[in-house]
C-alpha cells in the first residue's frame, strides 16, 4: 500500500482530523462522477466534510481492501463501517482513484457509497 493510503487509513480510523487533512494538497480536487454536484475543490472542504462525518459517525473505521499504484495514480478499494449518533449502522464501500503528488492527494475520482 502507498504511504498516502497508509496515512489516510490511519487518520480516519483514529479520527485524527489534522492528520487526515494533511494527506491532501491545498488545492485538492475531489470529483464524484456518480454524484457530480458533490464534487469540490480545496483542503478546507476536506476538513469540513470529515469533521462532520466524525461527529455523525464517531466510531468510523476505514479499511483498504486492495490497492495498486501506477505512476502517480493510486487505485484503492475501501470499506468504512461505523454507527451514527442516532444508532444506525453504516457501511460504505467503493473505489477511490487518487492522483498523488509526493504522499498527498492532489485529485481523486471518488466512488464510495453506502451499501443498501
N, C-alpha and C. Protein backbone atom coordinates (compact mmCIF):
# COMPACT_ATOMS: atom_id res chain seq x y z
N UNK A 1 0.85 -1.17 0.00
CA UNK A 1 0.00 0.00 0.00
C UNK A 1 0.89 1.24 0.00
N UNK A 2 0.44 2.31 -0.63
CA UNK A 2 1.25 3.53 -0.70
C UNK A 2 1.25 4.24 0.65
N UNK A 3 2.24 5.11 0.86
CA UNK A 3 2.31 5.89 2.10
C UNK A 3 1.06 6.73 2.26
N UNK A 4 0.55 7.28 1.14
CA UNK A 4 -0.67 8.08 1.21
C UNK A 4 -1.82 7.24 1.78
N UNK A 5 -2.05 6.04 1.27
CA UNK A 5 -3.14 5.21 1.75
C UNK A 5 -2.94 4.81 3.21
N UNK A 6 -1.72 4.46 3.58
CA UNK A 6 -1.44 4.13 4.98
C UNK A 6 -1.81 5.29 5.89
N UNK A 7 -1.33 6.49 5.53
CA UNK A 7 -1.58 7.67 6.36
C UNK A 7 -3.07 8.00 6.43
N UNK A 8 -3.76 7.92 5.30
CA UNK A 8 -5.18 8.26 5.27
C UNK A 8 -6.00 7.25 6.06
N UNK A 9 -5.76 5.97 5.86
CA UNK A 9 -6.49 4.94 6.59
C UNK A 9 -6.31 5.10 8.10
N UNK A 10 -5.08 5.34 8.53
CA UNK A 10 -4.81 5.51 9.96
C UNK A 10 -5.50 6.75 10.50
N UNK A 11 -5.45 7.86 9.77
CA UNK A 11 -6.08 9.11 10.23
C UNK A 11 -7.59 8.94 10.37
N UNK A 12 -8.22 8.25 9.42
CA UNK A 12 -9.66 8.02 9.50
C UNK A 12 -9.99 7.15 10.71
N UNK A 13 -9.31 6.04 10.84
CA UNK A 13 -9.64 5.07 11.89
C UNK A 13 -9.30 5.58 13.29
N UNK A 14 -8.37 6.52 13.40
CA UNK A 14 -8.05 7.10 14.71
C UNK A 14 -8.75 8.44 14.92
N UNK A 15 -9.53 8.86 13.92
CA UNK A 15 -10.31 10.11 13.99
C UNK A 15 -9.41 11.33 14.21
N UNK A 16 -8.26 11.31 13.58
CA UNK A 16 -7.28 12.40 13.69
C UNK A 16 -7.49 13.36 12.52
N UNK A 17 -8.31 14.37 12.74
CA UNK A 17 -8.69 15.29 11.68
C UNK A 17 -7.49 16.01 11.08
N UNK A 18 -6.57 16.47 11.91
CA UNK A 18 -5.40 17.19 11.39
C UNK A 18 -4.52 16.29 10.53
N UNK A 19 -4.31 15.05 10.97
CA UNK A 19 -3.52 14.10 10.18
C UNK A 19 -4.23 13.80 8.87
N UNK A 20 -5.54 13.67 8.91
CA UNK A 20 -6.31 13.40 7.70
C UNK A 20 -6.18 14.56 6.71
N UNK A 21 -6.38 15.77 7.17
CA UNK A 21 -6.31 16.94 6.30
C UNK A 21 -4.92 17.08 5.69
N UNK A 22 -3.90 16.71 6.42
CA UNK A 22 -2.52 16.83 5.92
C UNK A 22 -2.23 15.84 4.78
N UNK A 23 -3.14 14.90 4.53
CA UNK A 23 -2.98 13.94 3.43
C UNK A 23 -3.33 14.54 2.08
N UNK A 24 -3.80 15.79 2.05
CA UNK A 24 -4.30 16.41 0.83
C UNK A 24 -3.57 17.71 0.53
N UNK A 25 -3.40 18.00 -0.76
CA UNK A 25 -2.80 19.27 -1.16
C UNK A 25 -3.80 20.40 -0.90
N UNK A 26 -3.31 21.63 -0.82
CA UNK A 26 -4.18 22.79 -0.59
C UNK A 26 -5.28 22.89 -1.64
N UNK A 27 -4.93 22.60 -2.90
CA UNK A 27 -5.89 22.75 -3.99
C UNK A 27 -6.46 21.40 -4.44
N UNK A 28 -6.53 20.46 -3.53
CA UNK A 28 -7.08 19.13 -3.81
C UNK A 28 -8.43 19.24 -4.52
N UNK A 29 -8.63 18.40 -5.51
CA UNK A 29 -9.90 18.36 -6.26
C UNK A 29 -10.51 16.98 -6.11
N UNK A 30 -11.74 16.93 -5.61
CA UNK A 30 -12.47 15.69 -5.46
C UNK A 30 -13.59 15.66 -6.49
N UNK A 31 -13.49 14.74 -7.43
CA UNK A 31 -14.52 14.56 -8.45
C UNK A 31 -15.34 13.34 -8.08
N UNK A 32 -16.67 13.51 -8.11
CA UNK A 32 -17.59 12.42 -7.81
C UNK A 32 -18.43 12.16 -9.06
N UNK A 33 -17.91 11.32 -9.96
CA UNK A 33 -18.59 11.11 -11.23
C UNK A 33 -20.02 10.62 -11.12
N UNK A 34 -20.36 9.87 -10.07
CA UNK A 34 -21.73 9.38 -9.92
C UNK A 34 -22.63 10.38 -9.18
N UNK A 35 -22.03 11.40 -8.59
CA UNK A 35 -22.77 12.47 -7.89
C UNK A 35 -22.07 13.80 -8.18
N UNK A 36 -22.09 14.29 -9.42
CA UNK A 36 -21.28 15.45 -9.80
C UNK A 36 -21.51 16.70 -8.95
N UNK A 37 -22.70 16.89 -8.44
CA UNK A 37 -22.99 18.08 -7.64
C UNK A 37 -22.22 18.07 -6.31
N UNK A 38 -21.73 16.93 -5.89
CA UNK A 38 -20.98 16.83 -4.64
C UNK A 38 -19.48 17.06 -4.82
N UNK A 39 -19.01 17.20 -6.05
CA UNK A 39 -17.58 17.44 -6.30
C UNK A 39 -17.18 18.76 -5.67
N UNK A 40 -15.89 18.88 -5.31
CA UNK A 40 -15.42 20.11 -4.67
C UNK A 40 -13.92 20.28 -4.87
N UNK A 41 -13.44 21.45 -4.50
CA UNK A 41 -12.02 21.77 -4.55
C UNK A 41 -11.62 22.38 -3.22
N UNK A 42 -10.47 21.94 -2.68
CA UNK A 42 -9.88 22.58 -1.52
C UNK A 42 -9.75 21.70 -0.30
N UNK A 43 -8.61 21.84 0.35
CA UNK A 43 -8.32 21.09 1.57
C UNK A 43 -9.28 21.46 2.70
N UNK A 44 -9.71 22.72 2.75
CA UNK A 44 -10.62 23.13 3.82
C UNK A 44 -11.98 22.45 3.70
N UNK A 45 -12.40 22.12 2.49
CA UNK A 45 -13.65 21.37 2.32
C UNK A 45 -13.46 19.95 2.84
N UNK A 46 -12.28 19.39 2.64
CA UNK A 46 -11.97 18.07 3.22
C UNK A 46 -12.14 18.15 4.73
N UNK A 47 -11.59 19.19 5.34
CA UNK A 47 -11.69 19.38 6.80
C UNK A 47 -13.16 19.44 7.23
N UNK A 48 -13.94 20.27 6.57
CA UNK A 48 -15.36 20.43 6.93
C UNK A 48 -16.11 19.11 6.78
N UNK A 49 -15.90 18.43 5.65
CA UNK A 49 -16.61 17.17 5.40
C UNK A 49 -16.29 16.12 6.45
N UNK A 50 -15.00 15.95 6.74
CA UNK A 50 -14.62 14.91 7.69
C UNK A 50 -14.93 15.28 9.13
N UNK A 51 -14.88 16.54 9.48
CA UNK A 51 -15.29 16.96 10.83
C UNK A 51 -16.76 16.59 11.03
N UNK A 52 -17.58 16.84 10.01
CA UNK A 52 -18.99 16.47 10.10
C UNK A 52 -19.18 14.97 10.17
N UNK A 53 -18.42 14.23 9.38
CA UNK A 53 -18.54 12.77 9.40
C UNK A 53 -18.10 12.18 10.74
N UNK A 54 -17.00 12.68 11.28
CA UNK A 54 -16.55 12.21 12.59
C UNK A 54 -17.59 12.51 13.67
N UNK A 55 -18.28 13.64 13.55
CA UNK A 55 -19.32 14.00 14.52
C UNK A 55 -20.54 13.08 14.37
N UNK A 56 -20.91 12.75 13.12
CA UNK A 56 -22.10 11.91 12.87
C UNK A 56 -21.84 10.42 13.09
N UNK A 57 -20.60 9.98 12.81
CA UNK A 57 -20.24 8.56 12.94
C UNK A 57 -18.95 8.50 13.77
N UNK A 58 -19.07 8.66 15.09
CA UNK A 58 -17.87 8.83 15.92
C UNK A 58 -16.98 7.59 16.02
N UNK A 59 -17.48 6.43 15.61
CA UNK A 59 -16.65 5.21 15.69
C UNK A 59 -16.25 4.71 14.30
N UNK A 60 -16.26 5.58 13.30
CA UNK A 60 -15.96 5.16 11.94
C UNK A 60 -14.58 4.51 11.86
N UNK A 61 -14.50 3.44 11.09
CA UNK A 61 -13.24 2.76 10.82
C UNK A 61 -13.12 2.56 9.32
N UNK A 62 -11.91 2.65 8.81
CA UNK A 62 -11.67 2.51 7.37
C UNK A 62 -10.69 1.37 7.13
N UNK A 63 -10.96 0.63 6.05
CA UNK A 63 -10.04 -0.42 5.62
C UNK A 63 -9.83 -0.31 4.13
N UNK A 64 -8.58 -0.39 3.72
CA UNK A 64 -8.27 -0.51 2.30
C UNK A 64 -8.22 -2.00 2.00
N UNK A 65 -9.12 -2.45 1.14
CA UNK A 65 -9.22 -3.87 0.82
C UNK A 65 -8.19 -4.30 -0.21
N UNK A 66 -7.97 -3.43 -1.22
CA UNK A 66 -6.99 -3.69 -2.26
C UNK A 66 -6.49 -2.35 -2.78
N UNK A 67 -5.28 -2.37 -3.29
CA UNK A 67 -4.77 -1.14 -3.89
C UNK A 67 -3.66 -1.48 -4.88
N UNK A 68 -3.47 -0.57 -5.82
CA UNK A 68 -2.38 -0.69 -6.78
C UNK A 68 -1.95 0.71 -7.17
N UNK A 69 -0.67 0.87 -7.37
CA UNK A 69 -0.13 2.17 -7.78
C UNK A 69 0.41 2.06 -9.19
N UNK A 70 0.07 3.04 -10.02
CA UNK A 70 0.55 3.11 -11.40
C UNK A 70 1.02 4.54 -11.62
N UNK A 71 2.32 4.76 -11.49
CA UNK A 71 2.86 6.11 -11.60
C UNK A 71 2.34 6.97 -10.46
N UNK A 72 1.68 8.10 -10.80
CA UNK A 72 1.16 8.98 -9.76
C UNK A 72 -0.30 8.66 -9.42
N UNK A 73 -0.84 7.57 -9.97
CA UNK A 73 -2.22 7.16 -9.68
C UNK A 73 -2.25 6.00 -8.70
N UNK A 74 -3.07 6.14 -7.68
CA UNK A 74 -3.28 5.07 -6.70
C UNK A 74 -4.75 4.67 -6.77
N UNK A 75 -4.98 3.42 -7.15
CA UNK A 75 -6.33 2.86 -7.21
C UNK A 75 -6.54 2.08 -5.93
N UNK A 76 -7.67 2.31 -5.25
CA UNK A 76 -7.90 1.63 -3.98
C UNK A 76 -9.37 1.30 -3.80
N UNK A 77 -9.60 0.14 -3.17
CA UNK A 77 -10.95 -0.28 -2.82
C UNK A 77 -11.08 -0.14 -1.31
N UNK A 78 -12.14 0.56 -0.87
CA UNK A 78 -12.32 0.90 0.54
C UNK A 78 -13.58 0.27 1.12
N UNK A 79 -13.54 0.07 2.43
CA UNK A 79 -14.73 -0.28 3.21
C UNK A 79 -14.68 0.55 4.49
N UNK A 80 -15.77 1.24 4.78
CA UNK A 80 -15.86 2.03 6.01
C UNK A 80 -17.09 1.60 6.78
N UNK A 81 -16.92 1.42 8.08
CA UNK A 81 -18.02 0.99 8.94
C UNK A 81 -18.11 1.89 10.16
N UNK A 82 -19.27 1.92 10.76
CA UNK A 82 -19.47 2.69 11.98
C UNK A 82 -20.94 2.76 12.32
N UNK A 83 -21.23 3.46 13.41
CA UNK A 83 -22.59 3.65 13.88
C UNK A 83 -22.83 5.13 14.08
N UNK A 84 -23.94 5.63 13.53
CA UNK A 84 -24.25 7.05 13.68
C UNK A 84 -24.62 7.36 15.12
N UNK A 85 -24.64 8.64 15.46
CA UNK A 85 -25.03 9.04 16.81
C UNK A 85 -26.48 8.69 17.09
N UNK A 86 -27.27 8.47 16.04
CA UNK A 86 -28.65 8.02 16.22
C UNK A 86 -28.76 6.52 16.40
N UNK A 87 -27.65 5.78 16.25
CA UNK A 87 -27.65 4.35 16.45
C UNK A 87 -27.80 3.51 15.19
N UNK A 88 -27.71 4.13 14.02
CA UNK A 88 -27.84 3.42 12.75
C UNK A 88 -26.48 2.93 12.28
N UNK A 89 -26.40 1.64 11.92
CA UNK A 89 -25.15 1.10 11.38
C UNK A 89 -24.90 1.67 9.99
N UNK A 90 -23.64 1.96 9.71
CA UNK A 90 -23.23 2.49 8.41
C UNK A 90 -22.21 1.54 7.79
N UNK A 91 -22.37 1.29 6.50
CA UNK A 91 -21.41 0.52 5.74
C UNK A 91 -21.26 1.18 4.38
N UNK A 92 -20.06 1.62 4.07
CA UNK A 92 -19.77 2.22 2.78
C UNK A 92 -18.69 1.40 2.10
N UNK A 93 -18.84 1.23 0.79
CA UNK A 93 -17.83 0.52 0.02
C UNK A 93 -17.66 1.22 -1.32
N UNK A 94 -16.47 1.09 -1.89
CA UNK A 94 -16.26 1.61 -3.22
C UNK A 94 -14.80 1.82 -3.53
N UNK A 95 -14.59 2.46 -4.65
CA UNK A 95 -13.25 2.66 -5.20
C UNK A 95 -12.93 4.15 -5.20
N UNK A 96 -11.69 4.46 -4.90
CA UNK A 96 -11.18 5.82 -4.99
C UNK A 96 -9.89 5.77 -5.82
N UNK A 97 -9.85 6.59 -6.84
CA UNK A 97 -8.66 6.67 -7.71
C UNK A 97 -8.04 8.03 -7.45
N UNK A 98 -6.84 8.02 -6.91
CA UNK A 98 -6.19 9.25 -6.46
C UNK A 98 -4.94 9.54 -7.29
N UNK A 99 -4.79 10.81 -7.68
CA UNK A 99 -3.53 11.27 -8.27
C UNK A 99 -2.76 11.91 -7.12
N UNK A 100 -1.58 11.35 -6.85
CA UNK A 100 -0.78 11.83 -5.73
C UNK A 100 0.37 12.71 -6.20
N UNK A 101 0.70 13.65 -5.36
CA UNK A 101 1.92 14.46 -5.51
C UNK A 101 2.72 14.20 -4.25
N UNK A 102 3.80 13.45 -4.38
CA UNK A 102 4.54 13.01 -3.20
C UNK A 102 3.66 12.02 -2.45
N UNK A 103 3.36 12.33 -1.19
CA UNK A 103 2.50 11.48 -0.37
C UNK A 103 1.16 12.15 -0.09
N UNK A 104 0.77 13.12 -0.93
CA UNK A 104 -0.51 13.81 -0.73
C UNK A 104 -1.40 13.65 -1.94
N UNK A 105 -2.70 13.62 -1.69
CA UNK A 105 -3.68 13.55 -2.78
C UNK A 105 -3.84 14.92 -3.40
N UNK A 106 -3.74 14.98 -4.73
CA UNK A 106 -3.96 16.23 -5.46
C UNK A 106 -5.33 16.22 -6.15
N UNK A 107 -5.79 15.02 -6.50
CA UNK A 107 -7.07 14.89 -7.19
C UNK A 107 -7.56 13.47 -6.99
N UNK A 108 -8.88 13.29 -6.93
CA UNK A 108 -9.44 11.95 -6.79
C UNK A 108 -10.75 11.83 -7.55
N UNK A 109 -10.98 10.64 -8.08
CA UNK A 109 -12.30 10.23 -8.55
C UNK A 109 -12.83 9.32 -7.46
N UNK A 110 -13.93 9.72 -6.87
CA UNK A 110 -14.43 9.13 -5.64
C UNK A 110 -15.73 8.38 -5.93
N UNK A 111 -15.73 7.06 -5.71
CA UNK A 111 -16.88 6.21 -5.98
C UNK A 111 -17.29 5.42 -4.72
N UNK A 112 -17.27 6.05 -3.58
CA UNK A 112 -17.60 5.39 -2.31
C UNK A 112 -19.04 5.77 -1.93
N UNK A 113 -19.88 4.76 -1.71
CA UNK A 113 -21.29 5.00 -1.40
C UNK A 113 -21.78 4.03 -0.34
N UNK A 114 -22.89 4.38 0.34
CA UNK A 114 -23.48 3.46 1.30
C UNK A 114 -23.94 2.17 0.64
N UNK A 115 -23.80 1.07 1.34
CA UNK A 115 -24.29 -0.23 0.88
C UNK A 115 -25.74 -0.33 1.31
N UNK A 116 -26.59 -0.72 0.37
CA UNK A 116 -28.02 -0.87 0.69
C UNK A 116 -28.31 -2.23 1.29
